PDB file of N, CA and C in Angstrom:
ATOM      1  N   MET A   1     -88.857   8.931  55.324  1.00  0.00           N
ATOM      2  CA  MET A   1     -89.060   7.954  54.184  1.00  0.00           C
ATOM      3  C   MET A   1     -90.412   7.319  54.359  1.00  0.00           C
ATOM      4  N   ALA A   2     -91.347   8.049  54.022  1.00  0.00           N
ATOM      5  CA  ALA A   2     -92.663   7.551  54.123  1.00  0.00           C
ATOM      6  C   ALA A   2     -92.961   6.557  52.905  1.00  0.00           C
ATOM      7  N   ASP A   3     -92.586   6.913  51.678  1.00  0.00           N
ATOM      8  CA  ASP A   3     -92.832   6.201  50.677  1.00  0.00           C
ATOM      9  C   ASP A   3     -91.344   5.598  50.022  1.00  0.00           C
ATOM     10  N   GLY A   4     -91.410   4.233  49.946  1.00  0.00           N
ATOM     11  CA  GLY A   4     -90.190   3.623  49.397  1.00  0.00           C
ATOM     12  C   GLY A   4     -90.546   2.369  48.575  1.00  0.00           C
ATOM     13  N   ILE A   5     -89.592   1.715  47.901  1.00  0.00           N
ATOM     14  CA  ILE A   5     -89.799   0.688  47.123  1.00  0.00           C
ATOM     15  C   ILE A   5     -89.061  -0.465  47.652  1.00  0.00           C
ATOM     16  N   THR A   6     -89.838  -1.515  47.849  1.00  0.00           N
ATOM     17  CA  THR A   6     -89.400  -2.884  48.358  1.00  0.00           C
ATOM     18  C   THR A   6     -89.095  -3.773  47.258  1.00  0.00           C
ATOM     19  N   VAL A   7     -87.876  -4.263  47.059  1.00  0.00           N
ATOM     20  CA  VAL A   7     -87.517  -5.311  46.077  1.00  0.00           C
ATOM     21  C   VAL A   7     -87.274  -6.572  46.884  1.00  0.00           C
ATOM     22  N   ARG A   8     -87.925  -7.650  46.336  1.00  0.00           N
ATOM     23  CA  ARG A   8     -87.505  -8.942  46.933  1.00  0.00           C
ATOM     24  C   ARG A   8     -86.989  -9.862  45.693  1.00  0.00           C
ATOM     25  N   LEU A   9     -85.784 -10.402  45.911  1.00  0.00           N
ATOM     26  CA  LEU A   9     -85.311 -11.288  44.857  1.00  0.00           C
ATOM     27  C   LEU A   9     -85.497 -12.642  45.360  1.00  0.00           C
ATOM     28  N   GLU A  10     -86.109 -13.515  44.580  1.00  0.00           N
ATOM     29  CA  GLU A  10     -86.359 -14.924  44.837  1.00  0.00           C
ATOM     30  C   GLU A  10     -85.498 -15.822  43.968  1.00  0.00           C
ATOM     31  N   GLY A  11     -84.829 -16.653  44.485  1.00  0.00           N
ATOM     32  CA  GLY A  11     -84.083 -17.706  43.903  1.00  0.00           C
ATOM     33  C   GLY A  11     -82.455 -17.447  43.823  1.00  0.00           C
ATOM     34  N   VAL A  12     -82.148 -16.224  44.533  1.00  0.00           N
ATOM     35  CA  VAL A  12     -80.721 -15.773  44.464  1.00  0.00           C
ATOM     36  C   VAL A  12     -79.871 -16.969  45.067  1.00  0.00           C
ATOM     37  N   GLU A  13     -80.089 -17.646  46.116  1.00  0.00           N
ATOM     38  CA  GLU A  13     -79.435 -18.725  46.707  1.00  0.00           C
ATOM     39  C   GLU A  13     -79.238 -19.853  45.713  1.00  0.00           C
ATOM     40  N   ASP A  14     -80.387 -20.238  45.114  1.00  0.00           N
ATOM     41  CA  ASP A  14     -80.441 -21.226  43.997  1.00  0.00           C
ATOM     42  C   ASP A  14     -79.436 -20.824  42.741  1.00  0.00           C
ATOM     43  N   LEU A  15     -79.382 -19.541  42.323  1.00  0.00           N
ATOM     44  CA  LEU A  15     -78.550 -19.187  41.328  1.00  0.00           C
ATOM     45  C   LEU A  15     -77.131 -19.143  41.723  1.00  0.00           C
ATOM     46  N   ILE A  16     -76.925 -18.788  42.872  1.00  0.00           N
ATOM     47  CA  ILE A  16     -75.401 -18.851  43.383  1.00  0.00           C
ATOM     48  C   ILE A  16     -74.882 -20.249  43.374  1.00  0.00           C
ATOM     49  N   ARG A  17     -75.773 -21.146  43.875  1.00  0.00           N
ATOM     50  CA  ARG A  17     -75.388 -22.493  43.876  1.00  0.00           C
ATOM     51  C   ARG A  17     -75.027 -23.071  42.468  1.00  0.00           C
ATOM     52  N   LYS A  18     -75.992 -22.673  41.659  1.00  0.00           N
ATOM     53  CA  LYS A  18     -75.735 -23.252  40.207  1.00  0.00           C
ATOM     54  C   LYS A  18     -74.465 -22.540  39.562  1.00  0.00           C
ATOM     55  N   VAL A  19     -74.158 -21.342  39.859  1.00  0.00           N
ATOM     56  CA  VAL A  19     -73.068 -20.702  39.236  1.00  0.00           C
ATOM     57  C   VAL A  19     -71.713 -21.417  39.737  1.00  0.00           C
ATOM     58  N   ARG A  20     -71.773 -21.550  41.111  1.00  0.00           N
ATOM     59  CA  ARG A  20     -70.512 -22.402  41.823  1.00  0.00           C
ATOM     60  C   ARG A  20     -70.441 -23.703  41.231  1.00  0.00           C
ATOM     61  N   SER A  21     -71.565 -24.424  41.051  1.00  0.00           N
ATOM     62  CA  SER A  21     -71.419 -25.742  40.505  1.00  0.00           C
ATOM     63  C   SER A  21     -70.909 -25.645  38.862  1.00  0.00           C
ATOM     64  N   TYR A  22     -71.375 -24.615  38.343  1.00  0.00           N
ATOM     65  CA  TYR A  22     -70.872 -24.438  36.887  1.00  0.00           C
ATOM     66  C   TYR A  22     -69.467 -24.365  36.842  1.00  0.00           C
ATOM     67  N   GLN A  23     -68.989 -23.608  37.759  1.00  0.00           N
ATOM     68  CA  GLN A  23     -67.454 -23.176  37.825  1.00  0.00           C
ATOM     69  C   GLN A  23     -66.759 -24.527  38.119  1.00  0.00           C
ATOM     70  N   VAL A  24     -67.227 -25.278  38.847  1.00  0.00           N
ATOM     71  CA  VAL A  24     -66.375 -26.672  39.246  1.00  0.00           C
ATOM     72  C   VAL A  24     -66.421 -27.448  37.936  1.00  0.00           C
ATOM     73  N   ILE A  25     -67.643 -27.483  37.248  1.00  0.00           N
ATOM     74  CA  ILE A  25     -67.842 -28.321  36.142  1.00  0.00           C
ATOM     75  C   ILE A  25     -66.835 -27.803  34.993  1.00  0.00           C
ATOM     76  N   THR A  26     -66.734 -26.414  34.831  1.00  0.00           N
ATOM     77  CA  THR A  26     -66.002 -25.887  33.832  1.00  0.00           C
ATOM     78  C   THR A  26     -64.476 -26.130  34.127  1.00  0.00           C
ATOM     79  N   LYS A  27     -64.160 -25.877  35.233  1.00  0.00           N
ATOM     80  CA  LYS A  27     -62.612 -26.154  35.617  1.00  0.00           C
ATOM     81  C   LYS A  27     -62.188 -27.757  35.265  1.00  0.00           C
ATOM     82  N   GLU A  28     -63.225 -28.552  35.643  1.00  0.00           N
ATOM     83  CA  GLU A  28     -62.923 -29.955  35.470  1.00  0.00           C
ATOM     84  C   GLU A  28     -62.742 -30.181  33.887  1.00  0.00           C
ATOM     85  N   ALA A  29     -63.696 -29.527  33.130  1.00  0.00           N
ATOM     86  CA  ALA A  29     -63.769 -29.766  31.659  1.00  0.00           C
ATOM     87  C   ALA A  29     -62.398 -29.151  31.139  1.00  0.00           C
ATOM     88  N   ILE A  30     -61.867 -28.171  31.605  1.00  0.00           N
ATOM     89  CA  ILE A  30     -60.592 -27.617  31.034  1.00  0.00           C
ATOM     90  C   ILE A  30     -59.504 -28.552  31.384  1.00  0.00           C
ATOM     91  N   ARG A  31     -59.528 -29.134  32.609  1.00  0.00           N
ATOM     92  CA  ARG A  31     -58.495 -30.025  32.994  1.00  0.00           C
ATOM     93  C   ARG A  31     -58.585 -31.188  32.080  1.00  0.00           C
ATOM     94  N   ILE A  32     -59.617 -31.649  31.811  1.00  0.00           N
ATOM     95  CA  ILE A  32     -59.935 -32.872  30.926  1.00  0.00           C
ATOM     96  C   ILE A  32     -59.374 -32.618  29.565  1.00  0.00           C
ATOM     97  N   ALA A  33     -59.521 -31.184  29.114  1.00  0.00           N
ATOM     98  CA  ALA A  33     -59.224 -30.840  27.741  1.00  0.00           C
ATOM     99  C   ALA A  33     -57.655 -30.736  27.616  1.00  0.00           C
ATOM    100  N   LEU A  34     -56.997 -30.179  28.766  1.00  0.00           N
ATOM    101  CA  LEU A  34     -55.434 -30.224  28.798  1.00  0.00           C
ATOM    102  C   LEU A  34     -54.789 -31.506  28.890  1.00  0.00           C
ATOM    103  N   VAL A  35     -55.434 -32.506  29.515  1.00  0.00           N
ATOM    104  CA  VAL A  35     -54.906 -33.783  29.555  1.00  0.00           C
ATOM    105  C   VAL A  35     -55.038 -34.447  28.175  1.00  0.00           C
ATOM    106  N   ARG A  36     -56.081 -34.424  27.592  1.00  0.00           N
ATOM    107  CA  ARG A  36     -56.467 -34.908  26.302  1.00  0.00           C
ATOM    108  C   ARG A  36     -55.474 -34.362  25.271  1.00  0.00           C
ATOM    109  N   GLY A  37     -55.157 -32.970  25.249  1.00  0.00           N
ATOM    110  CA  GLY A  37     -54.264 -32.459  24.599  1.00  0.00           C
ATOM    111  C   GLY A  37     -52.826 -32.836  24.777  1.00  0.00           C
ATOM    112  N   ALA A  38     -52.487 -32.917  26.031  1.00  0.00           N
ATOM    113  CA  ALA A  38     -51.044 -33.432  26.402  1.00  0.00           C
ATOM    114  C   ALA A  38     -50.830 -34.793  25.887  1.00  0.00           C
ATOM    115  N   LEU A  39     -51.705 -35.681  26.026  1.00  0.00           N
ATOM    116  CA  LEU A  39     -51.634 -37.007  25.684  1.00  0.00           C
ATOM    117  C   LEU A  39     -51.298 -37.202  24.023  1.00  0.00           C
ATOM    118  N   LYS A  40     -52.163 -36.175  23.294  1.00  0.00           N
ATOM    119  CA  LYS A  40     -51.914 -36.088  21.802  1.00  0.00           C
ATOM    120  C   LYS A  40     -50.610 -35.540  21.558  1.00  0.00           C
ATOM    121  N   VAL A  41     -49.996 -34.572  22.362  1.00  0.00           N
ATOM    122  CA  VAL A  41     -48.719 -34.036  21.982  1.00  0.00           C
ATOM    123  C   VAL A  41     -47.822 -35.115  22.313  1.00  0.00           C
ATOM    124  N   GLU A  42     -47.959 -36.001  23.450  1.00  0.00           N
ATOM    125  CA  GLU A  42     -46.989 -37.158  23.730  1.00  0.00           C
ATOM    126  C   GLU A  42     -46.958 -37.960  22.591  1.00  0.00           C
ATOM    127  N   LEU A  43     -48.154 -38.463  21.987  1.00  0.00           N
ATOM    128  CA  LEU A  43     -48.292 -39.443  20.890  1.00  0.00           C
ATOM    129  C   LEU A  43     -47.432 -38.762  19.644  1.00  0.00           C
ATOM    130  N   ALA A  44     -47.684 -37.573  19.390  1.00  0.00           N
ATOM    131  CA  ALA A  44     -47.136 -36.860  18.127  1.00  0.00           C
ATOM    132  C   ALA A  44     -45.660 -36.922  18.392  1.00  0.00           C
ATOM    133  N   ALA A  45     -45.109 -36.446  19.638  1.00  0.00           N
ATOM    134  CA  ALA A  45     -43.710 -36.417  19.911  1.00  0.00           C
ATOM    135  C   ALA A  45     -42.974 -37.817  19.766  1.00  0.00           C
ATOM    136  N   LYS A  46     -43.765 -38.925  20.252  1.00  0.00           N
ATOM    137  CA  LYS A  46     -43.159 -40.186  20.071  1.00  0.00           C
ATOM    138  C   LYS A  46     -43.202 -40.665  18.514  1.00  0.00           C
ATOM    139  N   GLU A  47     -44.181 -40.273  17.634  1.00  0.00           N
ATOM    140  CA  GLU A  47     -43.989 -40.358  16.280  1.00  0.00           C
ATOM    141  C   GLU A  47     -42.936 -39.714  15.735  1.00  0.00           C
ATOM    142  N   MET A  48     -42.482 -38.373  16.169  1.00  0.00           N
ATOM    143  CA  MET A  48     -41.586 -37.493  15.503  1.00  0.00           C
ATOM    144  C   MET A  48     -40.218 -37.765  16.031  1.00  0.00           C
ATOM    145  N   CYS A  49     -39.977 -38.556  17.269  1.00  0.00           N
ATOM    146  CA  CYS A  49     -38.663 -38.587  17.839  1.00  0.00           C
ATOM    147  C   CYS A  49     -37.881 -39.539  17.066  1.00  0.00           C
ATOM    148  N   PRO A  50     -36.613 -38.949  16.856  1.00  0.00           N
ATOM    149  CA  PRO A  50     -35.649 -39.876  16.077  1.00  0.00           C
ATOM    150  C   PRO A  50     -35.320 -41.252  17.018  1.00  0.00           C
ATOM    151  N   VAL A  51     -35.193 -42.181  16.326  1.00  0.00           N
ATOM    152  CA  VAL A  51     -34.856 -43.594  16.976  1.00  0.00           C
ATOM    153  C   VAL A  51     -33.604 -44.084  16.651  1.00  0.00           C
ATOM    154  N   ASP A  52     -33.010 -44.425  17.781  1.00  0.00           N
ATOM    155  CA  ASP A  52     -31.614 -45.211  17.546  1.00  0.00           C
ATOM    156  C   ASP A  52     -31.918 -46.470  18.289  1.00  0.00           C
ATOM    157  N   THR A  53     -31.821 -46.400  19.573  1.00  0.00           N
ATOM    158  CA  THR A  53     -32.258 -47.669  20.480  1.00  0.00           C
ATOM    159  C   THR A  53     -33.724 -47.533  20.836  1.00  0.00           C
ATOM    160  N   GLY A  54     -34.411 -46.509  20.696  1.00  0.00           N
ATOM    161  CA  GLY A  54     -35.846 -46.471  21.121  1.00  0.00           C
ATOM    162  C   GLY A  54     -35.968 -45.882  22.490  1.00  0.00           C
ATOM    163  N   ARG A  55     -34.876 -45.769  23.299  1.00  0.00           N
ATOM    164  CA  ARG A  55     -34.904 -45.391  24.581  1.00  0.00           C
ATOM    165  C   ARG A  55     -35.603 -44.079  24.799  1.00  0.00           C
ATOM    166  N   LEU A  56     -35.165 -43.192  23.994  1.00  0.00           N
ATOM    167  CA  LEU A  56     -35.761 -41.856  24.179  1.00  0.00           C
ATOM    168  C   LEU A  56     -37.266 -41.801  23.921  1.00  0.00           C
ATOM    169  N   ARG A  57     -37.679 -42.322  22.710  1.00  0.00           N
ATOM    170  CA  ARG A  57     -38.868 -42.523  22.433  1.00  0.00           C
ATOM    171  C   ARG A  57     -39.838 -43.127  23.447  1.00  0.00           C
ATOM    172  N   GLY A  58     -39.396 -44.111  24.062  1.00  0.00           N
ATOM    173  CA  GLY A  58     -40.040 -44.891  25.114  1.00  0.00           C
ATOM    174  C   GLY A  58     -40.147 -44.027  26.436  1.00  0.00           C
ATOM    175  N   SER A  59     -39.287 -43.155  26.535  1.00  0.00           N
ATOM    176  CA  SER A  59     -39.326 -42.353  27.734  1.00  0.00           C
ATOM    177  C   SER A  59     -40.200 -41.001  27.805  1.00  0.00           C
ATOM    178  N   ILE A  60     -40.796 -40.699  26.653  1.00  0.00           N
ATOM    179  CA  ILE A  60     -41.640 -39.712  26.525  1.00  0.00           C
ATOM    180  C   ILE A  60     -42.830 -39.765  27.250  1.00  0.00           C
ATOM    181  N   THR A  61     -43.194 -39.152  28.202  1.00  0.00           N
ATOM    182  CA  THR A  61     -44.679 -39.368  29.065  1.00  0.00           C
ATOM    183  C   THR A  61     -45.155 -37.923  29.318  1.00  0.00           C
ATOM    184  N   THR A  62     -46.331 -38.166  29.689  1.00  0.00           N
ATOM    185  CA  THR A  62     -47.227 -36.989  30.284  1.00  0.00           C
ATOM    186  C   THR A  62     -47.352 -37.012  31.793  1.00  0.00           C
ATOM    187  N   ASP A  63     -46.922 -35.995  32.501  1.00  0.00           N
ATOM    188  CA  ASP A  63     -46.898 -35.886  33.921  1.00  0.00           C
ATOM    189  C   ASP A  63     -48.128 -35.042  34.239  1.00  0.00           C
ATOM    190  N   LYS A  64     -49.249 -35.680  35.009  1.00  0.00           N
ATOM    191  CA  LYS A  64     -50.511 -34.940  35.306  1.00  0.00           C
ATOM    192  C   LYS A  64     -50.407 -34.552  36.728  1.00  0.00           C
ATOM    193  N   ARG A  65     -49.347 -34.616  37.473  1.00  0.00           N
ATOM    194  CA  ARG A  65     -49.432 -34.421  38.777  1.00  0.00           C
ATOM    195  C   ARG A  65     -49.985 -32.958  39.220  1.00  0.00           C
ATOM    196  N   TYR A  66     -49.800 -31.966  38.420  1.00  0.00           N
ATOM    197  CA  TYR A  66     -50.176 -30.688  38.711  1.00  0.00           C
ATOM    198  C   TYR A  66     -51.391 -30.212  38.010  1.00  0.00           C
ATOM    199  N   ILE A  67     -52.254 -31.175  37.700  1.00  0.00           N
ATOM    200  CA  ILE A  67     -53.315 -30.653  36.781  1.00  0.00           C
ATOM    201  C   ILE A  67     -54.319 -29.934  37.727  1.00  0.00           C
ATOM    202  N   GLN A  68     -54.364 -30.077  38.955  1.00  0.00           N
ATOM    203  CA  GLN A  68     -55.270 -29.079  39.704  1.00  0.00           C
ATOM    204  C   GLN A  68     -54.898 -27.640  39.602  1.00  0.00           C
ATOM    205  N   LYS A  69     -53.663 -27.400  39.117  1.00  0.00           N
ATOM    206  CA  LYS A  69     -53.029 -26.078  38.961  1.00  0.00           C
ATOM    207  C   LYS A  69     -53.099 -25.729  37.395  1.00  0.00           C
ATOM    208  N   PHE A  70     -53.714 -26.522  36.636  1.00  0.00           N
ATOM    209  CA  PHE A  70     -53.849 -26.421  35.208  1.00  0.00           C
ATOM    210  C   PHE A  70     -52.385 -26.483  34.532  1.00  0.00           C
ATOM    211  N   LEU A  71     -51.591 -27.593  35.078  1.00  0.00           N
ATOM    212  CA  LEU A  71     -50.219 -27.627  34.471  1.00  0.00           C
ATOM    213  C   LEU A  71     -50.144 -29.184  34.197  1.00  0.00           C
ATOM    214  N   VAL A  72     -49.677 -29.429  32.887  1.00  0.00           N
ATOM    215  CA  VAL A  72     -49.335 -30.696  32.436  1.00  0.00           C
ATOM    216  C   VAL A  72     -47.978 -30.634  31.756  1.00  0.00           C
ATOM    217  N   ARG A  73     -47.176 -31.556  32.105  1.00  0.00           N
ATOM    218  CA  ARG A  73     -45.947 -31.609  31.564  1.00  0.00           C
ATOM    219  C   ARG A  73     -45.455 -32.818  30.637  1.00  0.00           C
ATOM    220  N   ILE A  74     -45.154 -32.543  29.497  1.00  0.00           N
ATOM    221  CA  ILE A  74     -44.757 -33.658  28.566  1.00  0.00           C
ATOM    222  C   ILE A  74     -43.418 -33.534  28.357  1.00  0.00           C
ATOM    223  N   GLY A  75     -42.691 -34.781  28.593  1.00  0.00           N
ATOM    224  CA  GLY A  75     -41.223 -34.680  28.471  1.00  0.00           C
ATOM    225  C   GLY A  75     -40.588 -36.154  28.582  1.00  0.00           C
ATOM    226  N   THR A  76     -39.210 -36.034  28.866  1.00  0.00           N
ATOM    227  CA  THR A  76     -38.468 -37.196  29.011  1.00  0.00           C
ATOM    228  C   THR A  76     -37.616 -37.110  30.274  1.00  0.00           C
ATOM    229  N   ASN A  77     -37.325 -38.353  30.830  1.00  0.00           N
ATOM    230  CA  ASN A  77     -36.157 -38.173  31.827  1.00  0.00           C
ATOM    231  C   ASN A  77     -34.893 -38.727  31.395  1.00  0.00           C
ATOM    232  N   VAL A  78     -34.738 -38.929  30.048  1.00  0.00           N
ATOM    233  CA  VAL A  78     -33.480 -39.294  29.392  1.00  0.00           C
ATOM    234  C   VAL A  78     -32.631 -37.941  29.288  1.00  0.00           C
ATOM    235  N   ASP A  79     -31.375 -38.198  29.945  1.00  0.00           N
ATOM    236  CA  ASP A  79     -30.555 -36.826  30.036  1.00  0.00           C
ATOM    237  C   ASP A  79     -30.123 -36.338  28.764  1.00  0.00           C
ATOM    238  N   TYR A  80     -29.986 -37.276  27.673  1.00  0.00           N
ATOM    239  CA  TYR A  80     -29.611 -36.530  26.310  1.00  0.00           C
ATOM    240  C   TYR A  80     -30.748 -36.040  25.509  1.00  0.00           C
ATOM    241  N   GLY A  81     -32.057 -36.274  26.036  1.00  0.00           N
ATOM    242  CA  GLY A  81     -33.208 -35.878  25.222  1.00  0.00           C
ATOM    243  C   GLY A  81     -33.128 -34.279  24.766  1.00  0.00           C
ATOM    244  N   ILE A  82     -32.557 -33.480  25.584  1.00  0.00           N
ATOM    245  CA  ILE A  82     -32.493 -32.005  25.406  1.00  0.00           C
ATOM    246  C   ILE A  82     -31.639 -31.731  24.204  1.00  0.00           C
ATOM    247  N   TYR A  83     -30.518 -32.546  24.083  1.00  0.00           N
ATOM    248  CA  TYR A  83     -29.579 -32.428  23.144  1.00  0.00           C
ATOM    249  C   TYR A  83     -29.995 -32.907  21.809  1.00  0.00           C
ATOM    250  N   VAL A  84     -30.963 -33.952  21.781  1.00  0.00           N
ATOM    251  CA  VAL A  84     -31.480 -34.330  20.697  1.00  0.00           C
ATOM    252  C   VAL A  84     -32.531 -33.345  20.050  1.00  0.00           C
ATOM    253  N   GLU A  85     -33.195 -32.610  20.992  1.00  0.00           N
ATOM    254  CA  GLU A  85     -34.271 -31.564  20.775  1.00  0.00           C
ATOM    255  C   GLU A  85     -33.719 -30.255  20.157  1.00  0.00           C
ATOM    256  N   LEU A  86     -32.558 -29.852  21.104  1.00  0.00           N
ATOM    257  CA  LEU A  86     -32.025 -28.431  20.508  1.00  0.00           C
ATOM    258  C   LEU A  86     -30.728 -28.577  19.926  1.00  0.00           C
ATOM    259  N   GLY A  87     -29.964 -29.728  19.734  1.00  0.00           N
ATOM    260  CA  GLY A  87     -28.732 -29.885  19.144  1.00  0.00           C
ATOM    261  C   GLY A  87     -27.721 -29.501  20.145  1.00  0.00           C
ATOM    262  N   THR A  88     -26.330 -29.594  19.568  1.00  0.00           N
ATOM    263  CA  THR A  88     -25.122 -29.163  20.154  1.00  0.00           C
ATOM    264  C   THR A  88     -24.306 -28.644  19.282  1.00  0.00           C
ATOM    265  N   LYS A  89     -23.042 -28.302  19.793  1.00  0.00           N
ATOM    266  CA  LYS A  89     -22.115 -27.760  18.715  1.00  0.00           C
ATOM    267  C   LYS A  89     -21.743 -28.854  17.673  1.00  0.00           C
ATOM    268  N   LYS A  90     -21.848 -30.159  18.070  1.00  0.00           N
ATOM    269  CA  LYS A  90     -21.322 -31.298  17.262  1.00  0.00           C
ATOM    270  C   LYS A  90     -22.376 -32.009  16.590  1.00  0.00           C
ATOM    271  N   MET A  91     -23.758 -31.724  16.912  1.00  0.00           N
ATOM    272  CA  MET A  91     -24.744 -32.419  16.333  1.00  0.00           C
ATOM    273  C   MET A  91     -25.869 -31.427  16.225  1.00  0.00           C
ATOM    274  N   ASP A  92     -26.571 -31.616  14.947  1.00  0.00           N
ATOM    275  CA  ASP A  92     -27.733 -30.923  14.658  1.00  0.00           C
ATOM    276  C   ASP A  92     -28.912 -31.121  15.365  1.00  0.00           C
ATOM    277  N   ALA A  93     -29.802 -30.288  15.684  1.00  0.00           N
ATOM    278  CA  ALA A  93     -31.071 -30.483  16.435  1.00  0.00           C
ATOM    279  C   ALA A  93     -31.970 -31.521  15.644  1.00  0.00           C
ATOM    280  N   ARG A  94     -32.574 -32.220  16.332  1.00  0.00           N
ATOM    281  CA  ARG A  94     -33.615 -32.919  15.718  1.00  0.00           C
ATOM    282  C   ARG A  94     -35.017 -33.086  16.514  1.00  0.00           C
ATOM    283  N   PRO A  95     -35.523 -31.891  16.567  1.00  0.00           N
ATOM    284  CA  PRO A  95     -36.744 -31.547  17.360  1.00  0.00           C
ATOM    285  C   PRO A  95     -37.795 -32.539  17.252  1.00  0.00           C
ATOM    286  N   TYR A  96     -38.500 -32.853  18.295  1.00  0.00           N
ATOM    287  CA  TYR A  96     -39.655 -33.821  18.302  1.00  0.00           C
ATOM    288  C   TYR A  96     -40.715 -33.173  19.415  1.00  0.00           C
ATOM    289  N   LEU A  97     -40.220 -32.611  20.496  1.00  0.00           N
ATOM    290  CA  LEU A  97     -41.266 -31.999  21.420  1.00  0.00           C
ATOM    291  C   LEU A  97     -41.797 -30.842  21.004  1.00  0.00           C
ATOM    292  N   PHE A  98     -41.126 -29.751  20.575  1.00  0.00           N
ATOM    293  CA  PHE A  98     -41.721 -28.473  20.197  1.00  0.00           C
ATOM    294  C   PHE A  98     -42.662 -28.493  19.015  1.00  0.00           C
ATOM    295  N   PRO A  99     -42.167 -29.447  17.925  1.00  0.00           N
ATOM    296  CA  PRO A  99     -43.064 -29.474  16.772  1.00  0.00           C
ATOM    297  C   PRO A  99     -44.206 -30.325  17.169  1.00  0.00           C
ATOM    298  N   ALA A 100     -44.227 -31.286  17.965  1.00  0.00           N
ATOM    299  CA  ALA A 100     -45.441 -31.912  18.303  1.00  0.00           C
ATOM    300  C   ALA A 100     -46.373 -30.966  19.170  1.00  0.00           C
ATOM    301  N   PHE A 101     -45.834 -30.186  19.957  1.00  0.00           N
ATOM    302  CA  PHE A 101     -46.665 -29.272  20.698  1.00  0.00           C
ATOM    303  C   PHE A 101     -47.321 -28.261  19.813  1.00  0.00           C
ATOM    304  N   PHE A 102     -46.526 -27.760  18.866  1.00  0.00           N
ATOM    305  CA  PHE A 102     -47.144 -26.659  18.004  1.00  0.00           C
ATOM    306  C   PHE A 102     -47.966 -27.242  16.986  1.00  0.00           C
ATOM    307  N   MET A 103     -48.120 -28.552  16.631  1.00  0.00           N
ATOM    308  CA  MET A 103     -48.848 -29.446  15.735  1.00  0.00           C
ATOM    309  C   MET A 103     -50.385 -29.443  16.601  1.00  0.00           C
ATOM    310  N   ILE A 104     -50.303 -29.670  17.710  1.00  0.00           N
ATOM    311  CA  ILE A 104     -51.481 -29.874  18.650  1.00  0.00           C
ATOM    312  C   ILE A 104     -52.070 -28.505  19.269  1.00  0.00           C
ATOM    313  N   GLU A 105     -51.156 -27.503  19.581  1.00  0.00           N
ATOM    314  CA  GLU A 105     -51.653 -26.321  20.265  1.00  0.00           C
ATOM    315  C   GLU A 105     -52.921 -25.821  19.886  1.00  0.00           C
ATOM    316  N   GLY A 106     -53.163 -25.728  18.614  1.00  0.00           N
ATOM    317  CA  GLY A 106     -54.355 -24.952  18.104  1.00  0.00           C
ATOM    318  C   GLY A 106     -55.510 -25.882  18.356  1.00  0.00           C
ATOM    319  N   GLU A 107     -55.382 -27.092  18.461  1.00  0.00           N
ATOM    320  CA  GLU A 107     -56.617 -28.041  18.821  1.00  0.00           C
ATOM    321  C   GLU A 107     -56.981 -27.787  20.313  1.00  0.00           C
ATOM    322  N   ILE A 108     -55.909 -27.800  21.113  1.00  0.00           N
ATOM    323  CA  ILE A 108     -56.092 -27.575  22.623  1.00  0.00           C
ATOM    324  C   ILE A 108     -56.760 -26.266  22.928  1.00  0.00           C
ATOM    325  N   ILE A 109     -56.232 -25.273  22.274  1.00  0.00           N
ATOM    326  CA  ILE A 109     -56.876 -23.810  22.442  1.00  0.00           C
ATOM    327  C   ILE A 109     -58.394 -24.044  22.015  1.00  0.00           C
ATOM    328  N   LYS A 110     -58.690 -24.638  20.817  1.00  0.00           N
ATOM    329  CA  LYS A 110     -60.021 -24.709  20.225  1.00  0.00           C
ATOM    330  C   LYS A 110     -60.953 -25.234  21.296  1.00  0.00           C
ATOM    331  N   ASP A 111     -60.450 -26.459  21.897  1.00  0.00           N
ATOM    332  CA  ASP A 111     -61.221 -27.044  22.921  1.00  0.00           C
ATOM    333  C   ASP A 111     -61.393 -26.259  24.011  1.00  0.00           C
ATOM    334  N   ILE A 112     -60.493 -25.532  24.624  1.00  0.00           N
ATOM    335  CA  ILE A 112     -60.785 -24.732  25.888  1.00  0.00           C
ATOM    336  C   ILE A 112     -61.673 -23.483  25.419  1.00  0.00           C
ATOM    337  N   LYS A 113     -61.466 -22.871  24.183  1.00  0.00           N
ATOM    338  CA  LYS A 113     -62.351 -21.836  23.922  1.00  0.00           C
ATOM    339  C   LYS A 113     -63.671 -22.374  23.854  1.00  0.00           C
ATOM    340  N   LYS A 114     -64.055 -23.631  23.276  1.00  0.00           N
ATOM    341  CA  LYS A 114     -65.338 -24.152  23.318  1.00  0.00           C
ATOM    342  C   LYS A 114     -65.900 -24.366  24.691  1.00  0.00           C
ATOM    343  N   ILE A 115     -65.310 -24.819  25.728  1.00  0.00           N
ATOM    344  CA  ILE A 115     -65.557 -24.913  27.020  1.00  0.00           C
ATOM    345  C   ILE A 115     -65.959 -23.549  27.509  1.00  0.00           C
ATOM    346  N   LEU A 116     -64.969 -22.485  27.308  1.00  0.00           N
ATOM    347  CA  LEU A 116     -65.342 -21.127  27.880  1.00  0.00           C
ATOM    348  C   LEU A 116     -66.456 -20.345  27.146  1.00  0.00           C
ATOM    349  N   GLY A 117     -66.735 -20.791  26.007  1.00  0.00           N
ATOM    350  CA  GLY A 117     -67.854 -20.190  25.263  1.00  0.00           C
ATOM    351  C   GLY A 117     -69.154 -20.579  25.855  1.00  0.00           C
ATOM    352  N   LYS A 118     -69.179 -21.750  26.390  1.00  0.00           N
ATOM    353  CA  LYS A 118     -70.420 -22.204  26.982  1.00  0.00           C
ATOM    354  C   LYS A 118     -70.681 -21.415  28.236  1.00  0.00           C
ATOM    355  N   VAL A 119     -69.547 -20.924  28.976  1.00  0.00           N
ATOM    356  CA  VAL A 119     -69.628 -19.918  30.110  1.00  0.00           C
ATOM    357  C   VAL A 119     -70.282 -18.664  29.582  1.00  0.00           C
ATOM    358  N   GLU A 120     -69.906 -18.099  28.616  1.00  0.00           N
ATOM    359  CA  GLU A 120     -70.471 -16.909  28.033  1.00  0.00           C
ATOM    360  C   GLU A 120     -71.829 -16.966  27.743  1.00  0.00           C
ATOM    361  N   GLY A 121     -72.494 -18.178  27.362  1.00  0.00           N
ATOM    362  CA  GLY A 121     -73.781 -18.305  26.968  1.00  0.00           C
ATOM    363  C   GLY A 121     -74.577 -18.158  28.187  1.00  0.00           C
ATOM    364  N   LEU A 122     -73.986 -18.101  29.377  1.00  0.00           N
ATOM    365  CA  LEU A 122     -74.978 -17.917  30.560  1.00  0.00           C
ATOM    366  C   LEU A 122     -75.475 -16.331  30.748  1.00  0.00           C
ATOM    367  N   ARG A 123     -74.725 -15.513  29.878  1.00  0.00           N
ATOM    368  CA  ARG A 123     -75.042 -14.070  29.917  1.00  0.00           C
ATOM    369  C   ARG A 123     -76.591 -13.736  29.673  1.00  0.00           C
TER     370      ARG A 123
END
């Protein structure tokens, strides 16, 4: 191999560092979007929740303990909440959680797509 081509790439380490940094920033932005969306769902669920004593409405919360795994839970610890949401043989459903989620779902997806669109802009 008397004749050969030598290629030298400069700045590769810097590029790798920037990409890794961008990944961290993007993941955090998605987590923030999920929490914001969850809080909007929580608020909408509270507005839609049927009220007798107010206990069910007051118990609706957003649990962010698993946000590192991109998981947020909106719900209640009141044992009869599921029966109000889905109904029983003796009681019609009066949903408040599912409609609240479906009302906000598109906004959450839009926010995450916007974040991911910025990633595509790196190409």
